[in-house]
C-alpha atoms as a PDB file:
ATOM      1  CA  MET A   1      22.262  13.531  22.211  1.00  0.00           C
ATOM      2  CA  MET A   2      18.695  14.752  22.731  1.00  0.00           C
ATOM      3  CA  LYS A   3      15.967  12.674  21.097  1.00  0.00           C
ATOM      4  CA  LEU A   4      13.425  14.814  19.263  1.00  0.00           C
ATOM      5  CA  PRO A   5       9.804  13.699  19.236  1.00  0.00           C
ATOM      6  CA  SER A   6       8.670  12.302  15.914  1.00  0.00           C
ATOM      7  CA  PRO A   7       5.809  14.093  14.153  1.00  0.00           C
ATOM      8  CA  LEU A   8       3.756  10.909  14.466  1.00  0.00           C
ATOM      9  CA  SER A   9       4.186  10.506  18.213  1.00  0.00           C
ATOM     10  CA  SER A  10       3.270  14.126  18.844  1.00  0.00           C
ATOM     11  CA  ALA A  11       0.287  14.001  16.473  1.00  0.00           C
ATOM     12  CA  LEU A  12      -1.423  10.941  17.948  1.00  0.00           C
ATOM     13  CA  ASP A  13      -2.738  10.318  21.405  1.00  0.00           C
ATOM     14  CA  ALA A  14      -4.011   6.958  22.688  1.00  0.00           C
ATOM     15  CA  VAL A  15      -7.551   7.591  21.414  1.00  0.00           C
ATOM     16  CA  ASP A  16      -6.340   8.528  17.924  1.00  0.00           C
ATOM     17  CA  THR A  17      -4.200   5.388  17.872  1.00  0.00           C
ATOM     18  CA  ALA A  18      -7.164   3.248  18.941  1.00  0.00           C
ATOM     19  CA  LEU A  19      -9.351   4.845  16.254  1.00  0.00           C
ATOM     20  CA  ILE A  20      -6.778   4.182  13.537  1.00  0.00           C
ATOM     21  CA  ARG A  21      -6.411   0.559  14.646  1.00  0.00           C
ATOM     22  CA  ALA A  22     -10.196   0.100  14.680  1.00  0.00           C
ATOM     23  CA  LEU A  23     -10.479   1.609  11.190  1.00  0.00           C
ATOM     24  CA  ALA A  24      -7.670  -0.651   9.940  1.00  0.00           C
ATOM     25  CA  GLU A  25      -9.687  -3.662  11.103  1.00  0.00           C
ATOM     26  CA  ASN A  26     -12.926  -2.413   9.538  1.00  0.00           C
ATOM     27  CA  ALA A  27     -13.059   0.962   7.816  1.00  0.00           C
ATOM     28  CA  ARG A  28     -16.826   0.633   7.293  1.00  0.00           C
ATOM     29  CA  GLN A  29     -17.677   0.727  10.985  1.00  0.00           C
ATOM     30  CA  PRO A  30     -20.284   3.313  11.866  1.00  0.00           C
ATOM     31  CA  VAL A  31     -19.047   6.207  13.960  1.00  0.00           C
ATOM     32  CA  SER A  32     -21.225   4.950  16.823  1.00  0.00           C
ATOM     33  CA  ALA A  33     -19.307   1.639  16.903  1.00  0.00           C
ATOM     34  CA  LEU A  34     -15.978   3.467  16.758  1.00  0.00           C
ATOM     35  CA  ALA A  35     -17.118   5.743  19.581  1.00  0.00           C
ATOM     36  CA  GLN A  36     -18.087   2.780  21.722  1.00  0.00           C
ATOM     37  CA  SER A  37     -14.750   1.060  21.087  1.00  0.00           C
ATOM     38  CA  VAL A  38     -12.740   4.102  22.249  1.00  0.00           C
ATOM     39  CA  GLY A  39     -15.086   5.283  24.993  1.00  0.00           C
ATOM     40  CA  LEU A  40     -16.071   8.639  23.483  1.00  0.00           C
ATOM     41  CA  SER A  41     -19.258  10.123  22.095  1.00  0.00           C
ATOM     42  CA  ALA A  42     -20.004   9.845  18.390  1.00  0.00           C
ATOM     43  CA  PRO A  43     -19.626  13.639  17.859  1.00  0.00           C
ATOM     44  CA  SER A  44     -16.195  13.553  19.551  1.00  0.00           C
ATOM     45  CA  VAL A  45     -15.080  10.679  17.337  1.00  0.00           C
ATOM     46  CA  SER A  46     -16.396  12.460  14.232  1.00  0.00           C
ATOM     47  CA  GLU A  47     -14.382  15.544  15.172  1.00  0.00           C
ATOM     48  CA  ARG A  48     -11.228  13.491  15.748  1.00  0.00           C
ATOM     49  CA  LEU A  49     -11.658  11.794  12.373  1.00  0.00           C
ATOM     50  CA  ARG A  50     -12.124  15.195  10.685  1.00  0.00           C
ATOM     51  CA  ARG A  51      -8.956  16.444  12.405  1.00  0.00           C
ATOM     52  CA  LEU A  52      -6.963  13.356  11.349  1.00  0.00           C
ATOM     53  CA  GLU A  53      -8.224  13.757   7.774  1.00  0.00           C
ATOM     54  CA  SER A  54      -7.584  17.511   7.548  1.00  0.00           C
ATOM     55  CA  SER A  55      -4.073  17.093   8.972  1.00  0.00           C
ATOM     56  CA  GLY A  56      -3.327  14.664   6.151  1.00  0.00           C
ATOM     57  CA  LEU A  57      -2.467  11.846   8.551  1.00  0.00           C
ATOM     58  CA  LEU A  58      -5.596   9.864   7.638  1.00  0.00           C
ATOM     59  CA  ARG A  59      -5.570  10.037   3.847  1.00  0.00           C
ATOM     60  CA  GLY A  60      -8.437   7.737   3.019  1.00  0.00           C
ATOM     61  CA  TYR A  61     -10.288   4.515   3.530  1.00  0.00           C
ATOM     62  CA  THR A  62      -9.728   1.410   1.477  1.00  0.00           C
ATOM     63  CA  VAL A  63     -11.038  -2.007   0.568  1.00  0.00           C
ATOM     64  CA  ASP A  64      -9.336  -5.377   0.879  1.00  0.00           C
ATOM     65  CA  LEU A  65     -10.121  -7.428  -2.219  1.00  0.00           C
ATOM     66  CA  ASP A  66      -9.901 -11.194  -2.540  1.00  0.00           C
ATOM     67  CA  LEU A  67      -7.735 -11.290  -5.662  1.00  0.00           C
ATOM     68  CA  LYS A  68      -8.416 -14.991  -6.233  1.00  0.00           C
ATOM     69  CA  ALA A  69     -12.159 -14.294  -6.312  1.00  0.00           C
ATOM     70  CA  LEU A  70     -11.422 -11.832  -9.126  1.00  0.00           C
ATOM     71  CA  GLY A  71      -9.563 -14.535 -11.038  1.00  0.00           C
ATOM     72  CA  TYR A  72      -6.003 -13.518 -10.136  1.00  0.00           C
ATOM     73  CA  ARG A  73      -4.535 -16.845  -9.066  1.00  0.00           C
ATOM     74  CA  LEU A  74      -0.926 -15.616  -8.953  1.00  0.00           C
ATOM     75  CA  GLN A  75       1.077 -12.578  -7.985  1.00  0.00           C
ATOM     76  CA  ALA A  76       4.647 -11.746  -8.860  1.00  0.00           C
ATOM     77  CA  ILE A  77       7.302  -9.428  -7.526  1.00  0.00           C
ATOM     78  CA  VAL A  78       9.357  -8.020 -10.377  1.00  0.00           C
ATOM     79  CA  ARG A  79      12.609  -6.111 -10.025  1.00  0.00           C
ATOM     80  CA  VAL A  80      12.940  -3.683 -12.923  1.00  0.00           C
ATOM     81  CA  LYS A  81      16.207  -2.121 -14.037  1.00  0.00           C
ATOM     82  CA  PRO A  82      15.690   0.379 -16.873  1.00  0.00           C
ATOM     83  CA  LEU A  83      18.302   0.458 -19.607  1.00  0.00           C
ATOM     84  CA  PRO A  84      20.300   3.698 -19.885  1.00  0.00           C
ATOM     85  CA  GLY A  85      18.071   6.628 -20.827  1.00  0.00           C
ATOM     86  CA  GLN A  86      14.867   4.610 -20.358  1.00  0.00           C
ATOM     87  CA  LEU A  87      13.920   5.433 -16.743  1.00  0.00           C
ATOM     88  CA  HIS A  88      11.027   7.773 -17.530  1.00  0.00           C
ATOM     89  CA  TRP A  89       9.679   5.503 -20.277  1.00  0.00           C
ATOM     90  CA  VAL A  90       9.754   2.495 -17.971  1.00  0.00           C
ATOM     91  CA  GLN A  91       8.045   4.413 -15.168  1.00  0.00           C
ATOM     92  CA  ARG A  92       5.289   5.446 -17.575  1.00  0.00           C
ATOM     93  CA  LEU A  93       4.875   1.834 -18.750  1.00  0.00           C
ATOM     94  CA  LEU A  94       4.548   0.700 -15.125  1.00  0.00           C
ATOM     95  CA  GLU A  95       2.011   3.423 -14.347  1.00  0.00           C
ATOM     96  CA  ASP A  96      -0.059   2.456 -17.400  1.00  0.00           C
ATOM     97  CA  GLU A  97      -0.017  -1.333 -16.831  1.00  0.00           C
ATOM     98  CA  PRO A  98      -3.294  -2.282 -15.060  1.00  0.00           C
ATOM     99  CA  ALA A  99      -1.825  -5.514 -13.648  1.00  0.00           C
ATOM    100  CA  VAL A 100       0.716  -3.501 -11.640  1.00  0.00           C
ATOM    101  CA  ILE A 101      -0.958  -3.043  -8.256  1.00  0.00           C
ATOM    102  CA  GLU A 102       2.080  -1.639  -6.403  1.00  0.00           C
ATOM    103  CA  CYS A 103       5.336  -0.082  -7.503  1.00  0.00           C
ATOM    104  CA  ASP A 104       8.163   1.323  -5.423  1.00  0.00           C
ATOM    105  CA  LYS A 105      11.074   3.332  -6.801  1.00  0.00           C
ATOM    106  CA  VAL A 106      14.132   2.072  -4.913  1.00  0.00           C
ATOM    107  CA  THR A 107      17.856   2.528  -4.526  1.00  0.00           C
ATOM    108  CA  GLY A 108      20.356  -0.120  -5.534  1.00  0.00           C
ATOM    109  CA  ASP A 109      20.812  -2.051  -8.746  1.00  0.00           C
ATOM    110  CA  ASP A 110      17.101  -2.042  -9.583  1.00  0.00           C
ATOM    111  CA  CYS A 111      15.078   1.134  -9.932  1.00  0.00           C
ATOM    112  CA  PHE A 112      11.622  -0.329  -9.330  1.00  0.00           C
ATOM    113  CA  ILE A 113      10.119  -3.149  -7.289  1.00  0.00           C
ATOM    114  CA  VAL A 114       6.713  -4.050  -8.718  1.00  0.00           C
ATOM    115  CA  ARG A 115       3.835  -6.262  -7.556  1.00  0.00           C
ATOM    116  CA  ILE A 116       1.783  -7.687 -10.407  1.00  0.00           C
ATOM    117  CA  VAL A 117      -1.451  -9.684 -10.352  1.00  0.00           C
ATOM    118  CA  LEU A 118      -1.756 -12.567 -12.807  1.00  0.00           C
ATOM    119  CA  ARG A 119      -4.568 -14.824 -13.931  1.00  0.00           C
ATOM    120  CA  ASP A 120      -1.963 -17.372 -15.080  1.00  0.00           C
ATOM    121  CA  ILE A 121       1.772 -17.592 -15.702  1.00  0.00           C
ATOM    122  CA  GLU A 122       1.347 -16.628 -19.366  1.00  0.00           C
ATOM    123  CA  ASP A 123       0.183 -13.180 -18.203  1.00  0.00           C
ATOM    124  CA  LEU A 124       3.633 -12.619 -16.724  1.00  0.00           C
ATOM    125  CA  ASP A 125       5.321 -13.321 -20.057  1.00  0.00           C
ATOM    126  CA  HIS A 126       2.988 -10.921 -21.833  1.00  0.00           C
ATOM    127  CA  ILE A 127       3.555  -8.129 -19.311  1.00  0.00           C
ATOM    128  CA  LEU A 128       7.327  -8.551 -19.214  1.00  0.00           C
ATOM    129  CA  GLU A 129       7.511  -8.475 -23.018  1.00  0.00           C
ATOM    130  CA  SER A 130       6.253  -4.888 -22.938  1.00  0.00           C
ATOM    131  CA  PHE A 131       9.364  -3.935 -20.940  1.00  0.00           C
ATOM    132  CA  SER A 132      11.939  -6.054 -22.751  1.00  0.00           C
ATOM    133  CA  GLU A 133      13.259  -3.296 -25.036  1.00  0.00           C
ATOM    134  CA  ARG A 134      13.549  -0.729 -22.243  1.00  0.00           C
ATOM    135  CA  ALA A 135      14.494  -2.649 -19.087  1.00  0.00           C
ATOM    136  CA  GLU A 136      15.955  -5.770 -17.549  1.00  0.00           C
ATOM    137  CA  THR A 137      13.598  -7.649 -15.246  1.00  0.00           C
ATOM    138  CA  ASN A 138      13.910 -10.326 -12.598  1.00  0.00           C
ATOM    139  CA  SER A 139      10.690 -11.894 -11.371  1.00  0.00           C
ATOM    140  CA  ALA A 140       9.571 -14.144  -8.547  1.00  0.00           C
ATOM    141  CA  ILE A 141       6.151 -15.723  -8.071  1.00  0.00           C
ATOM    142  CA  ILE A 142       4.666 -15.048  -4.643  1.00  0.00           C
ATOM    143  CA  LYS A 143       3.892 -18.302  -2.815  1.00  0.00           C
ATOM    144  CA  ALA A 144       2.392 -16.755   0.335  1.00  0.00           C
ATOM    145  CA  SER A 145       2.301 -13.489   2.253  1.00  0.00           C
ATOM    146  CA  PRO A 146       3.083 -14.363   5.879  1.00  0.00           C
ATOM    147  CA  VAL A 147       3.107 -10.651   6.808  1.00  0.00           C
ATOM    148  CA  PRO A 148       0.275  -8.888   4.985  1.00  0.00           C
ATOM    149  CA  ARG A 149       0.257  -5.118   4.659  1.00  0.00           C
ATOM    150  CA  ARG A 150      -0.269  -3.728   8.135  1.00  0.00           C
ATOM    151  CA  LEU A 151      -0.062  -0.556  10.166  1.00  0.00           C
ATOM    152  CA  PRO A 152       3.348   0.733  11.189  1.00  0.00           C
ATOM    153  CA  PRO A 153       4.087   1.149  14.905  1.00  0.00           C
ATOM    154  CA  LEU A 154       1.833   3.964  16.119  1.00  0.00           C
ATOM    155  CA  GLY A 155       3.688   5.020  19.198  1.00  0.00           C
END
């Protein structure tokens, strides 16, 4: 069976990969610092970044907030299983809840896996109450994140 190249492996060369890794470490680096780290001129790096952005591969730049500094001492993972006929209502509730910082629609018994930020445990009760008539929930408080969000393998 012939292995076809993945779109990612054919889209990125070693310099693109190095640029993405450097941006993941610090997205606020000036182009001159990025250029120095990959051994190219600043105009060449700027062009590569424009190409990665216009191709849709590089969709944006982000910030990494210290949630505790904002007063969110806890986070929870909540599995959400909408009651029959309630899927769209539950999705809308999740989209509208500011404490929901991530939500994945998944296969299996649950429809959604949600990450929620909490100032205290009472916040969790309040948030879950808003879903109680439309969904079953199962929650777990996050103790630590030994593998923080990171880049996927880049080739």
